[in-house]
PDB file of N, CA and C in Angstrom:
ATOM      1  N   MET A   1      -9.500  -9.981   7.925  1.00  0.00           N
ATOM      2  CA  MET A   1      -9.206  -8.731   7.265  1.00  0.00           C
ATOM      3  C   MET A   1     -10.467  -7.876   7.246  1.00  0.00           C
ATOM      4  N   THR A   2     -10.674  -7.154   8.300  1.00  0.00           N
ATOM      5  CA  THR A   2     -11.889  -6.355   8.424  1.00  0.00           C
ATOM      6  C   THR A   2     -11.702  -4.912   7.969  1.00  0.00           C
ATOM      7  N   GLN A   3     -10.477  -4.524   7.647  1.00  0.00           N
ATOM      8  CA  GLN A   3     -10.215  -3.145   7.240  1.00  0.00           C
ATOM      9  C   GLN A   3      -9.798  -3.066   5.769  1.00  0.00           C
ATOM     10  N   THR A   4     -10.246  -4.019   4.973  1.00  0.00           N
ATOM     11  CA  THR A   4      -9.942  -4.044   3.537  1.00  0.00           C
ATOM     12  C   THR A   4     -11.262  -3.972   2.778  1.00  0.00           C
ATOM     13  N   SER A   5     -11.295  -3.136   1.752  1.00  0.00           N
ATOM     14  CA  SER A   5     -12.538  -2.985   0.988  1.00  0.00           C
ATOM     15  C   SER A   5     -12.240  -2.791  -0.487  1.00  0.00           C
ATOM     16  N   TRP A   6     -13.272  -2.947  -1.291  1.00  0.00           N
ATOM     17  CA  TRP A   6     -13.237  -2.734  -2.737  1.00  0.00           C
ATOM     18  C   TRP A   6     -14.186  -1.571  -3.006  1.00  0.00           C
ATOM     19  N   PRO A   7     -13.694  -0.329  -2.886  1.00  0.00           N
ATOM     20  CA  PRO A   7     -14.592   0.816  -2.974  1.00  0.00           C
ATOM     21  C   PRO A   7     -15.160   1.034  -4.363  1.00  0.00           C
ATOM     22  N   THR A   8     -16.328   1.628  -4.379  1.00  0.00           N
ATOM     23  CA  THR A   8     -16.975   1.984  -5.646  1.00  0.00           C
ATOM     24  C   THR A   8     -17.122   3.490  -5.780  1.00  0.00           C
ATOM     25  N   THR A   9     -16.625   4.228  -4.782  1.00  0.00           N
ATOM     26  CA  THR A   9     -16.638   5.697  -4.829  1.00  0.00           C
ATOM     27  C   THR A   9     -15.250   6.195  -4.454  1.00  0.00           C
ATOM     28  N   THR A  10     -15.078   7.503  -4.413  1.00  0.00           N
ATOM     29  CA  THR A  10     -13.781   8.080  -4.042  1.00  0.00           C
ATOM     30  C   THR A  10     -13.598   8.198  -2.536  1.00  0.00           C
ATOM     31  N   ALA A  11     -14.611   7.843  -1.749  1.00  0.00           N
ATOM     32  CA  ALA A  11     -14.523   7.956  -0.288  1.00  0.00           C
ATOM     33  C   ALA A  11     -13.485   6.963   0.246  1.00  0.00           C
ATOM     34  N   LEU A  12     -12.585   7.439   1.102  1.00  0.00           N
ATOM     35  CA  LEU A  12     -11.557   6.599   1.701  1.00  0.00           C
ATOM     36  C   LEU A  12     -11.685   6.614   3.215  1.00  0.00           C
ATOM     37  N   PRO A  13     -11.420   5.482   3.876  1.00  0.00           N
ATOM     38  CA  PRO A  13     -11.413   5.486   5.336  1.00  0.00           C
ATOM     39  C   PRO A  13     -10.202   6.274   5.831  1.00  0.00           C
ATOM     40  N   THR A  14     -10.358   6.986   6.920  1.00  0.00           N
ATOM     41  CA  THR A  14      -9.233   7.775   7.459  1.00  0.00           C
ATOM     42  C   THR A  14      -8.531   6.998   8.553  1.00  0.00           C
ATOM     43  N   PRO A  15      -7.264   7.209   8.767  1.00  0.00           N
ATOM     44  CA  PRO A  15      -6.384   8.056   7.954  1.00  0.00           C
ATOM     45  C   PRO A  15      -5.970   7.324   6.688  1.00  0.00           C
ATOM     46  N   TYR A  16      -5.478   8.057   5.705  1.00  0.00           N
ATOM     47  CA  TYR A  16      -5.010   7.447   4.473  1.00  0.00           C
ATOM     48  C   TYR A  16      -3.829   8.232   3.914  1.00  0.00           C
ATOM     49  N   ALA A  17      -3.019   7.542   3.138  1.00  0.00           N
ATOM     50  CA  ALA A  17      -1.888   8.184   2.472  1.00  0.00           C
ATOM     51  C   ALA A  17      -2.391   8.855   1.200  1.00  0.00           C
ATOM     52  N   HIS A  18      -1.751   9.926   0.827  1.00  0.00           N
ATOM     53  CA  HIS A  18      -2.112  10.621  -0.407  1.00  0.00           C
ATOM     54  C   HIS A  18      -1.317  10.039  -1.573  1.00  0.00           C
ATOM     55  N   GLY A  19      -1.939   9.984  -2.737  1.00  0.00           N
ATOM     56  CA  GLY A  19      -1.287   9.464  -3.928  1.00  0.00           C
ATOM     57  C   GLY A  19      -1.057  10.558  -4.947  1.00  0.00           C
ATOM     58  N   TYR A  20       0.027  10.446  -5.692  1.00  0.00           N
ATOM     59  CA  TYR A  20       0.382  11.447  -6.699  1.00  0.00           C
ATOM     60  C   TYR A  20       0.754  10.745  -7.991  1.00  0.00           C
ATOM     61  N   THR A  21       0.583  11.446  -9.098  1.00  0.00           N
ATOM     62  CA  THR A  21       0.941  10.880 -10.399  1.00  0.00           C
ATOM     63  C   THR A  21       1.443  11.980 -11.314  1.00  0.00           C
ATOM     64  N   ASP A  22       2.173  11.594 -12.316  1.00  0.00           N
ATOM     65  CA  ASP A  22       2.619  12.494 -13.371  1.00  0.00           C
ATOM     66  C   ASP A  22       1.618  12.324 -14.504  1.00  0.00           C
ATOM     67  N   ASP A  23       0.821  13.337 -14.767  1.00  0.00           N
ATOM     68  CA  ASP A  23      -0.257  13.174 -15.746  1.00  0.00           C
ATOM     69  C   ASP A  23       0.083  13.697 -17.133  1.00  0.00           C
ATOM     70  N   GLN A  24       1.359  13.893 -17.413  1.00  0.00           N
ATOM     71  CA  GLN A  24       1.783  14.421 -18.705  1.00  0.00           C
ATOM     72  C   GLN A  24       2.560  13.379 -19.500  1.00  0.00           C
ATOM     73  N   PRO A  25       2.701  13.595 -20.809  1.00  0.00           N
ATOM     74  CA  PRO A  25       3.537  12.693 -21.610  1.00  0.00           C
ATOM     75  C   PRO A  25       4.980  12.729 -21.107  1.00  0.00           C
ATOM     76  N   ALA A  26       5.731  11.713 -21.447  1.00  0.00           N
ATOM     77  CA  ALA A  26       7.132  11.620 -21.016  1.00  0.00           C
ATOM     78  C   ALA A  26       7.880  12.905 -21.329  1.00  0.00           C
ATOM     79  N   GLY A  27       8.652  13.369 -20.366  1.00  0.00           N
ATOM     80  CA  GLY A  27       9.465  14.561 -20.553  1.00  0.00           C
ATOM     81  C   GLY A  27       8.810  15.849 -20.103  1.00  0.00           C
ATOM     82  N   ALA A  28       7.516  15.893 -19.964  1.00  0.00           N
ATOM     83  CA  ALA A  28       6.811  17.106 -19.537  1.00  0.00           C
ATOM     84  C   ALA A  28       6.164  16.836 -18.187  1.00  0.00           C
ATOM     85  N   ARG A  29       6.944  16.963 -17.129  1.00  0.00           N
ATOM     86  CA  ARG A  29       6.461  16.563 -15.812  1.00  0.00           C
ATOM     87  C   ARG A  29       5.482  17.567 -15.216  1.00  0.00           C
ATOM     88  N   ARG A  30       4.379  17.040 -14.725  1.00  0.00           N
ATOM     89  CA  ARG A  30       3.416  17.815 -13.956  1.00  0.00           C
ATOM     90  C   ARG A  30       2.814  16.860 -12.942  1.00  0.00           C
ATOM     91  N   ILE A  31       3.216  16.988 -11.698  1.00  0.00           N
ATOM     92  CA  ILE A  31       2.748  16.097 -10.643  1.00  0.00           C
ATOM     93  C   ILE A  31       1.420  16.621 -10.098  1.00  0.00           C
ATOM     94  N   VAL A  32       0.437  15.743 -10.050  1.00  0.00           N
ATOM     95  CA  VAL A  32      -0.871  16.116  -9.524  1.00  0.00           C
ATOM     96  C   VAL A  32      -1.291  15.105  -8.464  1.00  0.00           C
ATOM     97  N   GLU A  33      -2.071  15.572  -7.502  1.00  0.00           N
ATOM     98  CA  GLU A  33      -2.583  14.664  -6.473  1.00  0.00           C
ATOM     99  C   GLU A  33      -3.700  13.814  -7.073  1.00  0.00           C
ATOM    100  N   ALA A  34      -3.621  12.503  -6.853  1.00  0.00           N
ATOM    101  CA  ALA A  34      -4.605  11.577  -7.397  1.00  0.00           C
ATOM    102  C   ALA A  34      -5.360  10.842  -6.297  1.00  0.00           C
ATOM    103  N   THR A  35      -5.220  11.302  -5.060  1.00  0.00           N
ATOM    104  CA  THR A  35      -5.804  10.615  -3.913  1.00  0.00           C
ATOM    105  C   THR A  35      -7.289  10.339  -4.091  1.00  0.00           C
ATOM    106  N   ASN A  36      -8.042  11.307  -4.526  1.00  0.00           N
ATOM    107  CA  ASN A  36      -9.494  11.159  -4.592  1.00  0.00           C
ATOM    108  C   ASN A  36     -10.021  10.829  -5.978  1.00  0.00           C
ATOM    109  N   TRP A  37      -9.149  10.360  -6.847  1.00  0.00           N
ATOM    110  CA  TRP A  37      -9.632   9.872  -8.136  1.00  0.00           C
ATOM    111  C   TRP A  37     -10.443   8.612  -7.884  1.00  0.00           C
ATOM    112  N   ASN A  38     -11.456   8.399  -8.663  1.00  0.00           N
ATOM    113  CA  ASN A  38     -12.271   7.207  -8.508  1.00  0.00           C
ATOM    114  C   ASN A  38     -11.430   5.977  -8.843  1.00  0.00           C
ATOM    115  N   PRO A  39     -11.331   5.016  -7.921  1.00  0.00           N
ATOM    116  CA  PRO A  39     -10.470   3.855  -8.144  1.00  0.00           C
ATOM    117  C   PRO A  39     -11.041   2.833  -9.128  1.00  0.00           C
ATOM    118  N   ASN A  40     -12.258   3.022  -9.593  1.00  0.00           N
ATOM    119  CA  ASN A  40     -12.872   2.046 -10.507  1.00  0.00           C
ATOM    120  C   ASN A  40     -12.061   1.830 -11.777  1.00  0.00           C
ATOM    121  N   TRP A  41     -11.349   2.852 -12.251  1.00  0.00           N
ATOM    122  CA  TRP A  41     -10.604   2.698 -13.506  1.00  0.00           C
ATOM    123  C   TRP A  41      -9.493   1.655 -13.372  1.00  0.00           C
ATOM    124  N   ALA A  42      -8.952   1.462 -12.175  1.00  0.00           N
ATOM    125  CA  ALA A  42      -7.830   0.535 -11.983  1.00  0.00           C
ATOM    126  C   ALA A  42      -8.290  -0.901 -11.783  1.00  0.00           C
ATOM    127  N   ASP A  43      -9.526  -1.102 -11.391  1.00  0.00           N
ATOM    128  CA  ASP A  43     -10.069  -2.426 -11.114  1.00  0.00           C
ATOM    129  C   ASP A  43      -9.104  -3.194 -10.208  1.00  0.00           C
ATOM    130  N   ALA A  44      -8.789  -4.422 -10.515  1.00  0.00           N
ATOM    131  CA  ALA A  44      -7.955  -5.249  -9.634  1.00  0.00           C
ATOM    132  C   ALA A  44      -6.518  -4.740  -9.522  1.00  0.00           C
ATOM    133  N   ALA A  45      -6.090  -3.878 -10.413  1.00  0.00           N
ATOM    134  CA  ALA A  45      -4.712  -3.372 -10.377  1.00  0.00           C
ATOM    135  C   ALA A  45      -4.507  -2.325  -9.292  1.00  0.00           C
ATOM    136  N   GLY A  46      -5.538  -1.854  -8.664  1.00  0.00           N
ATOM    137  CA  GLY A  46      -5.330  -0.839  -7.643  1.00  0.00           C
ATOM    138  C   GLY A  46      -6.571  -0.376  -6.928  1.00  0.00           C
ATOM    139  N   GLN A  47      -7.642  -1.077  -7.048  1.00  0.00           N
ATOM    140  CA  GLN A  47      -8.890  -0.622  -6.454  1.00  0.00           C
ATOM    141  C   GLN A  47      -9.040  -1.014  -4.992  1.00  0.00           C
ATOM    142  N   LEU A  48      -8.307  -2.000  -4.513  1.00  0.00           N
ATOM    143  CA  LEU A  48      -8.424  -2.397  -3.108  1.00  0.00           C
ATOM    144  C   LEU A  48      -7.880  -1.329  -2.188  1.00  0.00           C
ATOM    145  N   VAL A  49      -8.538  -1.128  -1.075  1.00  0.00           N
ATOM    146  CA  VAL A  49      -8.077  -0.225  -0.028  1.00  0.00           C
ATOM    147  C   VAL A  49      -7.891  -1.062   1.226  1.00  0.00           C
ATOM    148  N   SER A  50      -6.731  -0.956   1.857  1.00  0.00           N
ATOM    149  CA  SER A  50      -6.448  -1.794   3.010  1.00  0.00           C
ATOM    150  C   SER A  50      -5.581  -1.058   4.012  1.00  0.00           C
ATOM    151  N   THR A  51      -5.463  -1.639   5.188  1.00  0.00           N
ATOM    152  CA  THR A  51      -4.575  -1.105   6.219  1.00  0.00           C
ATOM    153  C   THR A  51      -3.301  -1.947   6.254  1.00  0.00           C
ATOM    154  N   VAL A  52      -2.283  -1.419   6.904  1.00  0.00           N
ATOM    155  CA  VAL A  52      -1.027  -2.162   7.044  1.00  0.00           C
ATOM    156  C   VAL A  52      -1.269  -3.459   7.814  1.00  0.00           C
ATOM    157  N   ASP A  53      -2.089  -3.411   8.847  1.00  0.00           N
ATOM    158  CA  ASP A  53      -2.372  -4.621   9.636  1.00  0.00           C
ATOM    159  C   ASP A  53      -3.038  -5.705   8.790  1.00  0.00           C
ATOM    160  N   ASP A  54      -4.017  -5.327   7.969  1.00  0.00           N
ATOM    161  CA  ASP A  54      -4.659  -6.313   7.101  1.00  0.00           C
ATOM    162  C   ASP A  54      -3.689  -6.844   6.053  1.00  0.00           C
ATOM    163  N   MET A  55      -2.853  -5.983   5.512  1.00  0.00           N
ATOM    164  CA  MET A  55      -1.879  -6.440   4.522  1.00  0.00           C
ATOM    165  C   MET A  55      -0.878  -7.413   5.147  1.00  0.00           C
ATOM    166  N   ALA A  56      -0.515  -7.201   6.399  1.00  0.00           N
ATOM    167  CA  ALA A  56       0.389  -8.134   7.092  1.00  0.00           C
ATOM    168  C   ALA A  56      -0.275  -9.500   7.247  1.00  0.00           C
ATOM    169  N   LYS A  57      -1.575  -9.511   7.557  1.00  0.00           N
ATOM    170  CA  LYS A  57      -2.305 -10.785   7.662  1.00  0.00           C
ATOM    171  C   LYS A  57      -2.325 -11.508   6.319  1.00  0.00           C
ATOM    172  N   TRP A  58      -2.606 -10.749   5.238  1.00  0.00           N
ATOM    173  CA  TRP A  58      -2.669 -11.342   3.912  1.00  0.00           C
ATOM    174  C   TRP A  58      -1.299 -11.886   3.501  1.00  0.00           C
ATOM    175  N   THR A  59      -0.259 -11.103   3.743  1.00  0.00           N
ATOM    176  CA  THR A  59       1.093 -11.516   3.371  1.00  0.00           C
ATOM    177  C   THR A  59       1.501 -12.792   4.088  1.00  0.00           C
ATOM    178  N   LYS A  60       1.211 -12.867   5.379  1.00  0.00           N
ATOM    179  CA  LYS A  60       1.541 -14.070   6.150  1.00  0.00           C
ATOM    180  C   LYS A  60       0.765 -15.272   5.619  1.00  0.00           C
ATOM    181  N   GLY A  61      -0.515 -15.082   5.351  1.00  0.00           N
ATOM    182  CA  GLY A  61      -1.338 -16.179   4.856  1.00  0.00           C
ATOM    183  C   GLY A  61      -0.911 -16.657   3.481  1.00  0.00           C
ATOM    184  N   MET A  62      -0.623 -15.735   2.570  1.00  0.00           N
ATOM    185  CA  MET A  62      -0.192 -16.123   1.222  1.00  0.00           C
ATOM    186  C   MET A  62       1.215 -16.711   1.237  1.00  0.00           C
ATOM    187  N   GLY A  63       2.113 -16.115   1.999  1.00  0.00           N
ATOM    188  CA  GLY A  63       3.485 -16.615   2.041  1.00  0.00           C
ATOM    189  C   GLY A  63       3.600 -17.995   2.645  1.00  0.00           C
ATOM    190  N   SER A  64       2.765 -18.285   3.626  1.00  0.00           N
ATOM    191  CA  SER A  64       2.821 -19.585   4.300  1.00  0.00           C
ATOM    192  C   SER A  64       2.039 -20.656   3.547  1.00  0.00           C
ATOM    193  N   GLY A  65       1.176 -20.232   2.635  1.00  0.00           N
ATOM    194  CA  GLY A  65       0.345 -21.191   1.910  1.00  0.00           C
ATOM    195  C   GLY A  65      -0.959 -21.490   2.616  1.00  0.00           C
ATOM    196  N   ALA A  66      -1.245 -20.801   3.710  1.00  0.00           N
ATOM    197  CA  ALA A  66      -2.456 -21.068   4.484  1.00  0.00           C
ATOM    198  C   ALA A  66      -3.741 -20.717   3.728  1.00  0.00           C
ATOM    199  N   LEU A  67      -3.651 -19.891   2.696  1.00  0.00           N
ATOM    200  CA  LEU A  67      -4.850 -19.446   1.980  1.00  0.00           C
ATOM    201  C   LEU A  67      -5.122 -20.222   0.693  1.00  0.00           C
ATOM    202  N   VAL A  68      -4.243 -21.153   0.358  1.00  0.00           N
ATOM    203  CA  VAL A  68      -4.424 -21.941  -0.868  1.00  0.00           C
ATOM    204  C   VAL A  68      -4.198 -23.416  -0.567  1.00  0.00           C
ATOM    205  N   SER A  69      -4.583 -24.262  -1.490  1.00  0.00           N
ATOM    206  CA  SER A  69      -4.374 -25.703  -1.310  1.00  0.00           C
ATOM    207  C   SER A  69      -2.882 -26.024  -1.366  1.00  0.00           C
ATOM    208  N   PRO A  70      -2.469 -27.154  -0.788  1.00  0.00           N
ATOM    209  CA  PRO A  70      -1.060 -27.547  -0.875  1.00  0.00           C
ATOM    210  C   PRO A  70      -0.583 -27.660  -2.329  1.00  0.00           C
ATOM    211  N   GLU A  71      -1.439 -28.126  -3.225  1.00  0.00           N
ATOM    212  CA  GLU A  71      -1.069 -28.239  -4.633  1.00  0.00           C
ATOM    213  C   GLU A  71      -0.809 -26.864  -5.248  1.00  0.00           C
ATOM    214  N   MET A  72      -1.668 -25.911  -4.934  1.00  0.00           N
ATOM    215  CA  MET A  72      -1.486 -24.556  -5.461  1.00  0.00           C
ATOM    216  C   MET A  72      -0.226 -23.921  -4.873  1.00  0.00           C
ATOM    217  N   GLN A  73       0.047 -24.157  -3.600  1.00  0.00           N
ATOM    218  CA  GLN A  73       1.253 -23.605  -2.995  1.00  0.00           C
ATOM    219  C   GLN A  73       2.491 -24.162  -3.692  1.00  0.00           C
ATOM    220  N   THR A  74       2.483 -25.430  -4.023  1.00  0.00           N
ATOM    221  CA  THR A  74       3.610 -26.028  -4.745  1.00  0.00           C
ATOM    222  C   THR A  74       3.776 -25.354  -6.105  1.00  0.00           C
ATOM    223  N   GLN A  75       2.676 -25.132  -6.813  1.00  0.00           N
ATOM    224  CA  GLN A  75       2.747 -24.453  -8.108  1.00  0.00           C
ATOM    225  C   GLN A  75       3.267 -23.030  -7.956  1.00  0.00           C
ATOM    226  N   ARG A  76       2.839 -22.339  -6.919  1.00  0.00           N
ATOM    227  CA  ARG A  76       3.251 -20.956  -6.706  1.00  0.00           C
ATOM    228  C   ARG A  76       4.748 -20.847  -6.445  1.00  0.00           C
ATOM    229  N   LEU A  77       5.326 -21.874  -5.862  1.00  0.00           N
ATOM    230  CA  LEU A  77       6.741 -21.829  -5.504  1.00  0.00           C
ATOM    231  C   LEU A  77       7.642 -22.489  -6.535  1.00  0.00           C
ATOM    232  N   THR A  78       7.076 -22.916  -7.650  1.00  0.00           N
ATOM    233  CA  THR A  78       7.846 -23.627  -8.669  1.00  0.00           C
ATOM    234  C   THR A  78       8.161 -22.709  -9.843  1.00  0.00           C
ATOM    235  N   TRP A  79       9.455 -22.614 -10.178  1.00  0.00           N
ATOM    236  CA  TRP A  79       9.871 -21.858 -11.359  1.00  0.00           C
ATOM    237  C   TRP A  79       9.602 -22.686 -12.598  1.00  0.00           C
ATOM    238  N   VAL A  80       9.175 -22.035 -13.653  1.00  0.00           N
ATOM    239  CA  VAL A  80       8.943 -22.691 -14.932  1.00  0.00           C
ATOM    240  C   VAL A  80      10.002 -22.180 -15.899  1.00  0.00           C
ATOM    241  N   SER A  81      10.658 -23.085 -16.587  1.00  0.00           N
ATOM    242  CA  SER A  81      11.641 -22.672 -17.590  1.00  0.00           C
ATOM    243  C   SER A  81      11.363 -23.396 -18.893  1.00  0.00           C
ATOM    244  N   GLY A  82      12.031 -22.969 -19.943  1.00  0.00           N
ATOM    245  CA  GLY A  82      11.871 -23.627 -21.231  1.00  0.00           C
ATOM    246  C   GLY A  82      10.621 -23.234 -21.983  1.00  0.00           C
ATOM    247  N   ILE A  83      10.064 -22.069 -21.690  1.00  0.00           N
ATOM    248  CA  ILE A  83       8.895 -21.595 -22.427  1.00  0.00           C
ATOM    249  C   ILE A  83       9.372 -21.099 -23.794  1.00  0.00           C
ATOM    250  N   PRO A  84       8.842 -21.635 -24.892  1.00  0.00           N
ATOM    251  CA  PRO A  84       9.305 -21.235 -26.229  1.00  0.00           C
ATOM    252  C   PRO A  84       9.250 -19.718 -26.427  1.00  0.00           C
ATOM    253  N   GLY A  85      10.355 -19.151 -26.862  1.00  0.00           N
ATOM    254  CA  GLY A  85      10.420 -17.715 -27.136  1.00  0.00           C
ATOM    255  C   GLY A  85      10.656 -16.847 -25.913  1.00  0.00           C
ATOM    256  N   ALA A  86      10.686 -17.432 -24.731  1.00  0.00           N
ATOM    257  CA  ALA A  86      10.872 -16.647 -23.504  1.00  0.00           C
ATOM    258  C   ALA A  86      12.295 -16.820 -22.991  1.00  0.00           C
ATOM    259  N   THR A  87      12.776 -15.804 -22.321  1.00  0.00           N
ATOM    260  CA  THR A  87      14.081 -15.909 -21.675  1.00  0.00           C
ATOM    261  C   THR A  87      13.880 -15.863 -20.174  1.00  0.00           C
ATOM    262  N   GLY A  88      14.628 -16.632 -19.451  1.00  0.00           N
ATOM    263  CA  GLY A  88      14.527 -16.634 -17.997  1.00  0.00           C
ATOM    264  C   GLY A  88      13.502 -17.626 -17.490  1.00  0.00           C
ATOM    265  N   ASN A  89      13.258 -17.554 -16.206  1.00  0.00           N
ATOM    266  CA  ASN A  89      12.309 -18.440 -15.539  1.00  0.00           C
ATOM    267  C   ASN A  89      11.099 -17.639 -15.082  1.00  0.00           C
ATOM    268  N   TYR A  90       9.976 -18.319 -14.964  1.00  0.00           N
ATOM    269  CA  TYR A  90       8.740 -17.658 -14.579  1.00  0.00           C
ATOM    270  C   TYR A  90       8.026 -18.466 -13.509  1.00  0.00           C
ATOM    271  N   GLY A  91       7.186 -17.805 -12.731  1.00  0.00           N
ATOM    272  CA  GLY A  91       6.386 -18.474 -11.714  1.00  0.00           C
ATOM    273  C   GLY A  91       5.000 -17.870 -11.676  1.00  0.00           C
ATOM    274  N   LEU A  92       4.087 -18.530 -10.964  1.00  0.00           N
ATOM    275  CA  LEU A  92       2.716 -18.015 -10.868  1.00  0.00           C
ATOM    276  C   LEU A  92       2.624 -16.789  -9.978  1.00  0.00           C
ATOM    277  N   ALA A  93       3.354 -16.784  -8.868  1.00  0.00           N
ATOM    278  CA  ALA A  93       3.250 -15.641  -7.976  1.00  0.00           C
ATOM    279  C   ALA A  93       4.511 -15.449  -7.147  1.00  0.00           C
ATOM    280  N   ILE A  94       5.030 -16.519  -6.589  1.00  0.00           N
ATOM    281  CA  ILE A  94       6.210 -16.421  -5.731  1.00  0.00           C
ATOM    282  C   ILE A  94       7.264 -17.351  -6.299  1.00  0.00           C
ATOM    283  N   GLY A  95       8.444 -16.852  -6.488  1.00  0.00           N
ATOM    284  CA  GLY A  95       9.533 -17.710  -6.981  1.00  0.00           C
ATOM    285  C   GLY A  95      10.657 -17.748  -5.971  1.00  0.00           C
ATOM    286  N   ARG A  96      11.366 -18.827  -5.959  1.00  0.00           N
ATOM    287  CA  ARG A  96      12.539 -18.917  -5.113  1.00  0.00           C
ATOM    288  C   ARG A  96      13.632 -19.608  -5.916  1.00  0.00           C
ATOM    289  N   SER A  97      14.846 -19.169  -5.690  1.00  0.00           N
ATOM    290  CA  SER A  97      15.930 -19.759  -6.455  1.00  0.00           C
ATOM    291  C   SER A  97      16.774 -20.656  -5.585  1.00  0.00           C
TER     292      SER A  97
END
């Protein structure tokens, strides 16, 4: 994955998609372009910048279990139920029914 980075500035590699957000309280819509906002505020929730090709590599590696130990892959694919106070089933990352 040579085209994935964790930027610390607003500079983006080209080409890139533009991002938009509604920056007003609920009910008062005002759409603004957020493409060049500094990604530091999002941290792990949105700071990574990647290409489709790199994301395909990551998806294949994570889905196949090639990037984690066999034990972790088993945990990732196992649904957990019976959590006190919770409804439904939960998993670490990937669930299958």
